N, C-alpha and C. Protein backbone atom coordinates (compact mmCIF):
# COMPACT_ATOMS: atom_id res chain seq x y z
N UNK A 1 -52.39 27.29 25.72
CA UNK A 1 -53.47 26.83 26.37
C UNK A 1 -53.48 25.39 26.46
N UNK A 2 -53.96 24.77 27.67
CA UNK A 2 -54.06 23.32 27.80
C UNK A 2 -55.22 22.87 26.99
N UNK A 3 -55.07 21.58 26.67
CA UNK A 3 -56.27 20.74 26.15
C UNK A 3 -57.10 20.17 27.21
N UNK A 4 -58.32 20.09 27.00
CA UNK A 4 -59.21 19.25 27.75
C UNK A 4 -59.50 18.02 27.05
N UNK A 5 -59.10 16.85 27.61
CA UNK A 5 -59.08 15.57 26.85
C UNK A 5 -60.14 14.65 27.66
N UNK A 6 -61.01 14.25 26.82
CA UNK A 6 -62.04 13.12 27.43
C UNK A 6 -61.48 11.83 26.99
N UNK A 7 -61.21 11.00 27.93
CA UNK A 7 -60.65 9.67 27.66
C UNK A 7 -61.49 8.51 28.49
N UNK A 8 -61.59 7.38 27.86
CA UNK A 8 -62.31 6.43 28.49
C UNK A 8 -62.07 5.02 27.87
N UNK A 9 -62.32 4.04 28.53
CA UNK A 9 -62.41 2.60 28.06
C UNK A 9 -63.81 2.46 27.58
N UNK A 10 -64.04 1.84 26.45
CA UNK A 10 -65.41 1.72 25.92
C UNK A 10 -65.71 0.32 25.35
N UNK A 11 -66.86 -0.16 25.34
CA UNK A 11 -67.28 -1.24 24.49
C UNK A 11 -67.31 -0.78 23.08
N UNK A 12 -67.33 -1.81 22.23
CA UNK A 12 -67.47 -1.39 20.70
C UNK A 12 -68.76 -0.72 20.47
N UNK A 13 -69.78 -1.02 21.20
CA UNK A 13 -71.15 -0.46 21.03
C UNK A 13 -71.34 0.97 21.84
N UNK A 14 -70.23 1.45 22.36
CA UNK A 14 -70.22 2.80 22.99
C UNK A 14 -70.55 2.93 24.49
N UNK A 15 -70.36 1.83 25.16
CA UNK A 15 -70.78 1.93 26.77
C UNK A 15 -69.64 1.78 27.52
N UNK A 16 -69.55 2.64 28.62
CA UNK A 16 -68.43 2.64 29.54
C UNK A 16 -68.73 1.72 30.70
N UNK A 17 -69.99 1.32 30.91
CA UNK A 17 -70.39 0.32 31.93
C UNK A 17 -71.61 -0.33 31.41
N UNK A 18 -71.70 -1.70 31.68
CA UNK A 18 -72.99 -2.42 31.19
C UNK A 18 -74.16 -2.01 32.12
N UNK A 19 -75.33 -2.72 31.90
CA UNK A 19 -76.59 -2.33 32.57
C UNK A 19 -76.48 -2.60 34.03
N UNK A 20 -75.60 -3.61 34.43
CA UNK A 20 -75.34 -3.82 35.91
C UNK A 20 -74.38 -2.86 36.43
N UNK A 21 -73.73 -1.98 35.75
CA UNK A 21 -72.74 -1.02 36.22
C UNK A 21 -71.38 -1.64 36.26
N UNK A 22 -71.19 -2.84 35.63
CA UNK A 22 -69.91 -3.53 35.61
C UNK A 22 -69.10 -2.94 34.32
N UNK A 23 -67.78 -2.86 34.56
CA UNK A 23 -66.90 -2.45 33.54
C UNK A 23 -65.60 -3.31 33.57
N UNK A 24 -65.69 -4.47 34.24
CA UNK A 24 -64.57 -5.37 34.29
C UNK A 24 -64.24 -5.96 33.04
N UNK A 25 -65.09 -6.02 31.99
CA UNK A 25 -64.87 -6.42 30.74
C UNK A 25 -63.86 -5.49 29.98
N UNK A 26 -63.65 -4.36 30.35
CA UNK A 26 -62.80 -3.34 29.81
C UNK A 26 -61.35 -3.32 30.34
N UNK A 27 -61.09 -4.31 31.20
CA UNK A 27 -59.71 -4.28 31.86
C UNK A 27 -58.73 -4.34 30.73
N UNK A 28 -57.70 -3.38 30.61
CA UNK A 28 -56.86 -3.16 29.33
C UNK A 28 -55.82 -4.16 29.25
N UNK A 29 -55.19 -4.73 30.36
CA UNK A 29 -53.91 -5.61 30.24
C UNK A 29 -52.70 -4.65 30.19
N UNK A 30 -51.58 -5.31 30.39
CA UNK A 30 -50.29 -4.53 30.56
C UNK A 30 -49.89 -3.89 29.29
N UNK A 31 -50.05 -4.35 28.04
CA UNK A 31 -49.77 -3.65 26.90
C UNK A 31 -50.45 -2.33 26.72
N UNK A 32 -51.78 -2.40 26.98
CA UNK A 32 -52.61 -1.19 26.89
C UNK A 32 -52.36 -0.28 28.08
N UNK A 33 -52.02 -0.83 29.25
CA UNK A 33 -51.72 0.16 30.32
C UNK A 33 -50.50 0.85 30.11
N UNK A 34 -49.39 0.22 29.49
CA UNK A 34 -48.15 0.97 29.21
C UNK A 34 -48.39 2.13 28.21
N UNK A 35 -49.26 1.72 27.25
CA UNK A 35 -49.57 2.81 26.19
C UNK A 35 -50.29 3.94 26.79
N UNK A 36 -51.33 3.60 27.53
CA UNK A 36 -52.15 4.61 28.29
C UNK A 36 -51.33 5.45 29.31
N UNK A 37 -50.48 4.89 29.98
CA UNK A 37 -49.69 5.67 30.85
C UNK A 37 -48.78 6.60 30.21
N UNK A 38 -48.29 6.36 28.98
CA UNK A 38 -47.44 7.33 28.22
C UNK A 38 -48.39 8.44 27.83
N UNK A 39 -49.66 8.38 27.51
CA UNK A 39 -50.59 9.42 27.25
C UNK A 39 -50.87 10.21 28.55
N UNK A 40 -51.03 9.53 29.57
CA UNK A 40 -51.45 10.23 30.91
C UNK A 40 -50.32 11.07 31.33
N UNK A 41 -49.10 10.87 31.02
CA UNK A 41 -47.96 11.75 31.55
C UNK A 41 -48.19 13.21 31.14
N UNK A 42 -48.93 13.54 30.09
CA UNK A 42 -49.24 14.91 29.59
C UNK A 42 -50.33 15.61 30.52
N UNK A 43 -51.16 14.87 31.27
CA UNK A 43 -52.17 15.31 32.06
C UNK A 43 -51.71 15.72 33.48
N UNK A 44 -52.01 16.99 33.75
CA UNK A 44 -51.61 17.48 35.13
C UNK A 44 -52.69 17.56 36.09
N UNK A 45 -54.06 17.65 35.52
CA UNK A 45 -55.29 17.81 36.34
C UNK A 45 -56.41 16.99 35.76
N UNK A 46 -57.03 16.20 36.65
CA UNK A 46 -58.18 15.40 36.38
C UNK A 46 -59.52 16.14 36.73
N UNK A 47 -60.50 16.05 35.91
CA UNK A 47 -61.78 16.62 36.30
C UNK A 47 -62.72 15.47 36.37
N UNK A 48 -63.43 15.31 37.54
CA UNK A 48 -64.37 14.18 37.79
C UNK A 48 -65.67 14.59 38.30
N UNK A 49 -66.63 13.80 38.30
CA UNK A 49 -67.85 13.85 38.99
C UNK A 49 -67.54 12.95 40.21
N UNK A 50 -68.55 12.97 41.15
CA UNK A 50 -68.37 12.30 42.38
C UNK A 50 -68.25 10.78 42.21
N UNK A 51 -69.07 10.19 41.34
CA UNK A 51 -69.01 8.80 41.21
C UNK A 51 -67.71 8.28 40.51
N UNK A 52 -67.18 9.06 39.50
CA UNK A 52 -65.92 8.71 38.99
C UNK A 52 -64.75 8.88 39.99
N UNK A 53 -64.79 10.00 40.71
CA UNK A 53 -63.78 10.21 41.68
C UNK A 53 -63.79 8.98 42.79
N UNK A 54 -64.92 8.56 43.23
CA UNK A 54 -65.02 7.50 44.13
C UNK A 54 -64.45 6.23 43.57
N UNK A 55 -64.62 5.99 42.25
CA UNK A 55 -64.06 4.77 41.64
C UNK A 55 -62.51 4.93 41.48
N UNK A 56 -62.06 6.13 41.34
CA UNK A 56 -60.67 6.41 41.15
C UNK A 56 -59.80 6.62 42.34
N UNK A 57 -60.33 6.96 43.46
CA UNK A 57 -59.53 7.28 44.58
C UNK A 57 -58.71 6.00 45.05
N UNK A 58 -59.05 4.98 44.83
CA UNK A 58 -58.37 3.77 45.24
C UNK A 58 -56.87 3.73 44.76
N UNK A 59 -56.63 4.44 43.50
CA UNK A 59 -55.35 4.53 43.06
C UNK A 59 -54.36 5.28 44.07
N UNK A 60 -54.97 5.96 45.08
CA UNK A 60 -54.11 6.51 46.01
C UNK A 60 -54.32 5.91 47.47
N UNK A 61 -55.57 5.45 47.69
CA UNK A 61 -55.90 5.02 49.06
C UNK A 61 -55.73 3.51 49.21
N UNK A 62 -55.64 2.68 48.22
CA UNK A 62 -55.63 1.28 48.29
C UNK A 62 -54.29 0.75 47.60
N UNK A 63 -53.26 0.40 48.40
CA UNK A 63 -51.95 -0.03 47.86
C UNK A 63 -52.23 -1.33 46.93
N UNK A 64 -53.28 -2.09 47.15
CA UNK A 64 -53.53 -3.25 46.29
C UNK A 64 -53.69 -2.87 44.85
N UNK A 65 -54.27 -1.72 44.54
CA UNK A 65 -54.22 -1.31 43.09
C UNK A 65 -52.92 -1.37 42.29
N UNK A 66 -51.97 -0.71 42.98
CA UNK A 66 -50.69 -0.61 42.39
C UNK A 66 -49.90 -1.95 42.37
N UNK A 67 -50.19 -2.78 43.31
CA UNK A 67 -49.53 -4.10 43.45
C UNK A 67 -49.89 -5.04 42.42
N UNK A 68 -50.99 -4.80 41.70
CA UNK A 68 -51.55 -5.83 40.81
C UNK A 68 -50.64 -5.99 39.54
N UNK A 69 -49.89 -5.02 39.13
CA UNK A 69 -49.01 -5.10 37.94
C UNK A 69 -48.18 -3.96 37.87
N UNK A 70 -47.05 -3.93 37.09
CA UNK A 70 -46.14 -2.84 36.93
C UNK A 70 -47.01 -1.63 36.14
N UNK A 71 -47.85 -1.93 35.23
CA UNK A 71 -48.61 -0.94 34.58
C UNK A 71 -49.53 -0.17 35.58
N UNK A 72 -50.17 -0.91 36.56
CA UNK A 72 -50.99 -0.43 37.55
C UNK A 72 -50.26 0.50 38.49
N UNK A 73 -48.97 0.07 38.85
CA UNK A 73 -48.13 0.87 39.73
C UNK A 73 -47.81 2.22 39.12
N UNK A 74 -47.43 2.09 37.74
CA UNK A 74 -47.07 3.33 37.02
C UNK A 74 -48.26 4.28 36.97
N UNK A 75 -49.52 3.73 36.70
CA UNK A 75 -50.62 4.63 36.73
C UNK A 75 -50.86 5.27 38.06
N UNK A 76 -50.69 4.48 39.03
CA UNK A 76 -50.99 5.07 40.47
C UNK A 76 -50.09 6.16 40.80
N UNK A 77 -48.78 6.02 40.36
CA UNK A 77 -47.85 7.23 40.52
C UNK A 77 -48.34 8.41 39.74
N UNK A 78 -48.66 8.28 38.45
CA UNK A 78 -49.13 9.40 37.70
C UNK A 78 -50.45 10.04 38.27
N UNK A 79 -51.33 9.17 38.71
CA UNK A 79 -52.64 9.62 39.25
C UNK A 79 -52.36 10.51 40.50
N UNK A 80 -51.54 9.97 41.38
CA UNK A 80 -51.27 10.65 42.67
C UNK A 80 -50.57 11.92 42.50
N UNK A 81 -49.71 11.99 41.32
CA UNK A 81 -48.96 13.33 41.16
C UNK A 81 -49.85 14.37 40.53
N UNK A 82 -51.03 14.00 39.94
CA UNK A 82 -51.94 14.99 39.37
C UNK A 82 -52.86 15.65 40.28
N UNK A 83 -53.24 16.86 39.91
CA UNK A 83 -54.34 17.50 40.70
C UNK A 83 -55.67 17.02 40.27
N UNK A 84 -56.68 16.98 41.13
CA UNK A 84 -58.00 16.50 40.82
C UNK A 84 -58.98 17.52 41.32
N UNK A 85 -60.01 17.72 40.47
CA UNK A 85 -61.09 18.65 40.73
C UNK A 85 -62.39 17.71 40.66
N UNK A 86 -63.13 17.66 41.79
CA UNK A 86 -64.31 16.89 41.80
C UNK A 86 -65.52 17.78 41.89
N UNK A 87 -66.43 17.65 40.82
CA UNK A 87 -67.71 18.40 40.78
C UNK A 87 -68.73 17.64 41.46
N UNK A 88 -69.22 18.10 42.65
CA UNK A 88 -70.14 17.33 43.32
C UNK A 88 -70.88 18.34 44.37
N UNK A 89 -72.19 18.17 44.39
CA UNK A 89 -72.99 18.95 45.37
C UNK A 89 -73.31 18.15 46.65
N UNK A 90 -72.87 16.88 46.63
CA UNK A 90 -73.07 16.00 47.72
C UNK A 90 -71.86 15.40 48.54
N UNK A 91 -70.67 15.47 47.86
CA UNK A 91 -69.48 14.88 48.48
C UNK A 91 -69.07 15.95 49.61
N UNK A 92 -68.94 15.45 50.66
CA UNK A 92 -68.51 16.28 51.92
C UNK A 92 -67.10 16.48 52.01
N UNK A 93 -66.26 15.59 51.79
CA UNK A 93 -64.74 15.71 51.92
C UNK A 93 -64.12 14.79 50.89
N UNK A 94 -62.83 15.00 50.74
CA UNK A 94 -62.11 14.17 49.75
C UNK A 94 -61.00 13.43 50.50
N UNK A 95 -60.64 12.17 50.10
CA UNK A 95 -59.67 11.41 50.99
C UNK A 95 -58.36 11.21 50.04
N UNK A 96 -58.10 12.04 49.18
CA UNK A 96 -56.83 12.08 48.40
C UNK A 96 -56.21 13.39 48.45
N UNK A 97 -54.89 13.43 48.33
CA UNK A 97 -54.12 14.63 48.22
C UNK A 97 -54.43 15.33 46.86
N UNK A 98 -54.03 16.61 46.79
CA UNK A 98 -54.17 17.32 45.52
C UNK A 98 -55.55 17.41 44.97
N UNK A 99 -56.47 17.43 45.78
CA UNK A 99 -57.88 17.29 45.38
C UNK A 99 -58.75 18.35 45.91
N UNK A 100 -59.62 18.91 45.13
CA UNK A 100 -60.56 19.96 45.74
C UNK A 100 -62.00 19.68 45.19
N UNK A 101 -62.89 20.05 45.83
CA UNK A 101 -64.29 19.98 45.46
C UNK A 101 -64.81 21.33 44.89
N UNK A 102 -65.53 21.24 43.82
CA UNK A 102 -66.29 22.29 43.25
C UNK A 102 -67.81 21.96 43.31
N UNK A 103 -68.63 22.69 43.88
CA UNK A 103 -70.02 22.40 44.07
C UNK A 103 -70.86 22.21 42.83
N UNK A 104 -70.53 22.90 41.84
CA UNK A 104 -71.26 22.93 40.52
C UNK A 104 -70.29 23.01 39.43
N UNK A 105 -70.63 22.46 38.29
CA UNK A 105 -69.82 22.50 37.03
C UNK A 105 -70.05 23.89 36.39
N UNK A 106 -69.10 24.75 36.43
CA UNK A 106 -69.11 26.07 35.84
C UNK A 106 -68.25 26.09 34.58
N UNK A 107 -68.77 26.14 33.41
CA UNK A 107 -67.94 26.20 32.22
C UNK A 107 -66.90 27.30 32.24
N UNK A 108 -67.19 28.44 32.72
CA UNK A 108 -66.14 29.51 32.85
C UNK A 108 -65.01 29.12 33.63
N UNK A 109 -65.20 28.47 34.78
CA UNK A 109 -64.02 27.96 35.68
C UNK A 109 -63.30 27.15 34.90
N UNK A 110 -63.78 26.11 34.12
CA UNK A 110 -63.02 25.11 33.42
C UNK A 110 -62.30 25.97 32.23
N UNK A 111 -62.86 26.83 31.50
CA UNK A 111 -62.14 27.70 30.62
C UNK A 111 -60.97 28.39 31.17
N UNK A 112 -61.14 28.94 32.39
CA UNK A 112 -59.97 29.60 33.01
C UNK A 112 -58.89 28.55 33.41
N UNK A 113 -59.30 27.46 33.86
CA UNK A 113 -58.42 26.49 34.28
C UNK A 113 -57.57 25.92 33.04
N UNK A 114 -58.24 25.79 31.84
CA UNK A 114 -57.50 25.51 30.55
C UNK A 114 -56.61 26.66 30.22
N UNK A 115 -56.98 27.81 30.39
CA UNK A 115 -56.05 28.92 29.94
C UNK A 115 -54.90 29.10 30.97
N UNK A 116 -54.96 28.65 32.14
CA UNK A 116 -53.90 28.84 33.11
C UNK A 116 -53.03 27.68 33.29
N UNK A 117 -53.49 26.54 32.82
CA UNK A 117 -52.74 25.25 33.15
C UNK A 117 -51.51 25.12 32.31
N UNK A 118 -50.40 24.46 32.80
CA UNK A 118 -49.18 24.33 32.12
C UNK A 118 -49.14 22.86 31.55
N UNK A 119 -50.05 22.01 31.80
CA UNK A 119 -50.21 20.72 31.27
C UNK A 119 -51.78 20.41 31.02
N UNK A 120 -52.04 19.43 30.20
CA UNK A 120 -53.32 19.05 29.83
C UNK A 120 -54.22 18.73 30.94
N UNK A 121 -55.49 18.75 30.85
CA UNK A 121 -56.45 18.33 31.69
C UNK A 121 -57.25 17.12 31.09
N UNK A 122 -57.58 16.11 32.06
CA UNK A 122 -58.21 14.97 31.54
C UNK A 122 -59.69 15.13 32.25
N UNK A 123 -60.72 14.61 31.58
CA UNK A 123 -61.99 14.62 32.08
C UNK A 123 -62.60 13.22 31.93
N UNK A 124 -63.19 12.60 33.07
CA UNK A 124 -63.71 11.39 33.00
C UNK A 124 -65.06 11.32 33.84
N UNK A 125 -65.84 10.48 33.46
CA UNK A 125 -67.13 10.30 34.11
C UNK A 125 -68.19 10.93 33.14
N UNK A 126 -69.26 10.10 32.90
CA UNK A 126 -70.23 10.33 31.87
C UNK A 126 -70.97 11.67 32.15
N UNK A 127 -71.30 11.90 33.44
CA UNK A 127 -72.16 13.15 33.79
C UNK A 127 -71.37 14.42 33.51
N UNK A 128 -70.18 14.47 34.23
CA UNK A 128 -69.37 15.66 34.09
C UNK A 128 -68.93 15.86 32.63
N UNK A 129 -68.57 14.85 31.91
CA UNK A 129 -68.12 14.97 30.58
C UNK A 129 -69.26 15.42 29.70
N UNK A 130 -70.48 14.96 29.99
CA UNK A 130 -71.64 15.47 29.21
C UNK A 130 -71.75 17.09 29.29
N UNK A 131 -71.55 17.57 30.59
CA UNK A 131 -71.62 18.94 30.82
C UNK A 131 -70.53 19.64 29.95
N UNK A 132 -69.29 19.08 29.99
CA UNK A 132 -68.20 19.72 29.21
C UNK A 132 -68.52 19.58 27.62
N UNK A 133 -69.07 18.48 27.14
CA UNK A 133 -69.42 18.47 25.81
C UNK A 133 -70.50 19.59 25.41
N UNK A 134 -71.50 19.65 26.17
CA UNK A 134 -72.60 20.64 25.95
C UNK A 134 -72.02 22.05 26.06
N UNK A 135 -71.03 22.26 26.79
CA UNK A 135 -70.38 23.74 26.85
C UNK A 135 -69.34 23.82 25.87
N UNK A 136 -69.09 22.85 24.96
CA UNK A 136 -68.09 22.97 23.98
C UNK A 136 -66.68 23.11 24.56
N UNK A 137 -66.35 22.48 25.58
CA UNK A 137 -65.02 22.57 26.21
C UNK A 137 -64.09 21.52 25.82
N UNK A 138 -64.45 20.41 25.40
CA UNK A 138 -63.57 19.26 25.04
C UNK A 138 -62.85 19.51 23.70
N UNK A 139 -61.51 19.30 23.88
CA UNK A 139 -60.67 19.51 22.76
C UNK A 139 -60.13 18.32 22.01
N UNK A 140 -60.17 17.20 22.82
CA UNK A 140 -59.66 15.94 22.12
C UNK A 140 -60.36 14.77 22.91
N UNK A 141 -60.63 13.75 22.22
CA UNK A 141 -61.29 12.52 22.65
C UNK A 141 -60.36 11.34 22.38
N UNK A 142 -60.05 10.62 23.54
CA UNK A 142 -59.23 9.38 23.41
C UNK A 142 -60.04 8.16 23.87
N UNK A 143 -60.21 7.31 22.99
CA UNK A 143 -61.09 6.08 23.36
C UNK A 143 -60.27 4.91 23.20
N UNK A 144 -60.31 3.94 24.15
CA UNK A 144 -59.68 2.61 24.22
C UNK A 144 -60.91 1.67 23.93
N UNK A 145 -61.02 1.17 22.72
CA UNK A 145 -62.28 0.35 22.43
C UNK A 145 -61.96 -1.10 22.69
N UNK A 146 -62.79 -1.69 23.63
CA UNK A 146 -62.76 -3.09 23.88
C UNK A 146 -63.58 -3.89 22.94
N UNK A 147 -63.08 -4.99 22.49
CA UNK A 147 -63.70 -5.88 21.53
C UNK A 147 -64.85 -6.68 22.10
N UNK A 148 -65.90 -5.87 22.50
CA UNK A 148 -67.01 -6.49 23.08
C UNK A 148 -68.21 -5.67 22.88
N UNK A 149 -69.44 -6.32 22.79
CA UNK A 149 -70.71 -5.57 22.68
C UNK A 149 -71.43 -5.82 24.06
N UNK A 150 -71.68 -4.86 24.79
CA UNK A 150 -72.41 -5.11 26.03
C UNK A 150 -73.87 -4.90 26.00
N UNK A 151 -74.44 -4.30 24.96
CA UNK A 151 -75.86 -4.23 24.63
C UNK A 151 -76.71 -3.15 25.38
N UNK A 152 -76.09 -2.47 26.37
CA UNK A 152 -76.76 -1.44 27.08
C UNK A 152 -75.97 -1.05 28.30
N UNK A 153 -76.30 0.09 28.85
CA UNK A 153 -75.70 0.60 30.16
C UNK A 153 -75.47 2.08 29.95
N UNK A 154 -74.32 2.39 30.64
CA UNK A 154 -73.96 3.84 30.67
C UNK A 154 -73.09 4.24 29.32
N UNK A 155 -73.74 5.06 28.58
CA UNK A 155 -73.05 5.44 27.35
C UNK A 155 -71.89 6.37 27.45
N UNK A 156 -71.00 6.35 26.62
CA UNK A 156 -69.76 7.16 26.70
C UNK A 156 -70.14 8.58 26.33
N UNK A 157 -71.03 8.66 25.25
CA UNK A 157 -71.30 10.08 24.72
C UNK A 157 -72.65 10.43 25.07
N UNK A 158 -73.06 11.79 25.45
CA UNK A 158 -74.26 12.16 25.87
C UNK A 158 -75.19 12.39 24.63
N UNK A 159 -76.54 12.28 24.75
CA UNK A 159 -77.48 12.60 23.85
C UNK A 159 -77.37 14.01 23.51
N UNK A 160 -77.77 14.52 22.36
CA UNK A 160 -77.83 15.86 22.00
C UNK A 160 -76.63 16.56 21.60
N UNK A 161 -75.54 15.83 21.53
CA UNK A 161 -74.20 16.37 20.97
C UNK A 161 -73.86 15.87 19.63
N UNK A 162 -73.79 16.79 18.70
CA UNK A 162 -73.37 16.63 17.31
C UNK A 162 -72.03 17.26 17.12
N UNK A 163 -71.01 16.43 16.89
CA UNK A 163 -69.56 17.12 16.96
C UNK A 163 -68.77 16.47 15.91
N UNK A 164 -68.18 17.30 15.02
CA UNK A 164 -67.23 16.76 13.98
C UNK A 164 -65.83 16.55 14.76
N UNK A 165 -65.27 15.53 14.30
CA UNK A 165 -63.96 15.07 14.92
C UNK A 165 -63.01 14.70 13.77
N UNK A 166 -61.64 14.90 14.03
CA UNK A 166 -60.65 14.68 13.09
C UNK A 166 -59.67 13.58 13.71
N UNK A 167 -59.61 12.55 13.11
CA UNK A 167 -58.73 11.37 13.55
C UNK A 167 -57.32 11.88 13.64
N UNK A 168 -56.64 11.78 14.76
CA UNK A 168 -55.20 12.09 15.01
C UNK A 168 -54.25 10.92 15.01
N UNK A 169 -54.89 9.75 15.59
CA UNK A 169 -54.04 8.58 15.91
C UNK A 169 -54.91 7.41 16.04
N UNK A 170 -54.43 6.26 15.68
CA UNK A 170 -55.02 4.93 15.97
C UNK A 170 -53.99 3.93 16.30
N UNK A 171 -54.28 3.02 17.19
CA UNK A 171 -53.26 1.98 17.45
C UNK A 171 -54.02 0.69 17.84
N UNK A 172 -53.55 -0.43 17.29
CA UNK A 172 -54.13 -1.68 17.65
C UNK A 172 -53.22 -2.42 18.70
N UNK A 173 -53.96 -3.14 19.48
CA UNK A 173 -53.22 -3.97 20.52
C UNK A 173 -53.44 -5.47 20.29
N UNK A 174 -52.58 -6.30 20.87
CA UNK A 174 -52.64 -7.72 20.72
C UNK A 174 -53.98 -8.37 21.30
N UNK A 175 -54.54 -7.63 22.30
CA UNK A 175 -55.72 -8.16 23.00
C UNK A 175 -56.98 -7.84 22.25
N UNK A 176 -56.84 -7.19 21.09
CA UNK A 176 -57.98 -6.80 20.36
C UNK A 176 -58.53 -5.42 20.52
N UNK A 177 -58.01 -4.75 21.57
CA UNK A 177 -58.40 -3.45 21.85
C UNK A 177 -57.80 -2.46 20.70
N UNK A 178 -58.57 -1.34 20.55
CA UNK A 178 -58.03 -0.29 19.65
C UNK A 178 -58.06 1.04 20.18
N UNK A 179 -57.05 1.92 20.08
CA UNK A 179 -56.96 3.18 20.66
C UNK A 179 -57.31 4.13 19.46
N UNK A 180 -58.14 5.13 19.82
CA UNK A 180 -58.54 6.10 18.77
C UNK A 180 -58.46 7.49 19.52
N UNK A 181 -57.66 8.41 18.73
CA UNK A 181 -57.53 9.72 19.25
C UNK A 181 -57.96 10.71 18.25
N UNK A 182 -58.98 11.60 18.76
CA UNK A 182 -59.54 12.46 17.82
C UNK A 182 -59.45 13.85 18.39
N UNK A 183 -59.23 14.86 17.41
CA UNK A 183 -59.28 16.27 17.77
C UNK A 183 -60.79 16.76 17.59
N UNK A 184 -61.31 17.54 18.51
CA UNK A 184 -62.55 18.00 18.31
C UNK A 184 -62.51 19.29 17.39
N UNK A 185 -63.31 19.36 16.40
CA UNK A 185 -63.27 20.36 15.41
C UNK A 185 -64.21 21.44 15.94
N UNK A 186 -63.68 22.56 16.44
CA UNK A 186 -64.35 23.65 17.12
C UNK A 186 -64.83 24.60 15.99
């Protein structure tokens, strides 16, 4: 059975975007991108909400993303090779290959996807991830913590979820970021 992995860049105080919606403060740099790309190689399908999908689709539709650095180019290749499922009641069409829309987040559909997948699944986007947390679907959490306090904004973890985690891995980077990988104790 494949794992469902929740991964994100976060501020030290647990935000994935500040109050203005900005997350430029979380740009990882080449060392972190290289490390992140190694972990993303195990992901064959990404699960997104509409907002996160619209943020990510540039990895396929805008060549400028890949041209920024070797790490960005490697991530663009990985992202384009993966399947994407977008949970949205409002998105009419998708503009990337290997992408389908599901109108509602159905936990049973995600369970079936995990059971049939030959590689891990990644989930990103605070809203869709909150639904997965509440349905007890997430198996692993990977956090790239930026050394900054942003003081408010969009939180990485939803209210109402109390979950025991077991540390599997930690890694420090020269830019002050820290990678933390946890197993979810079901």
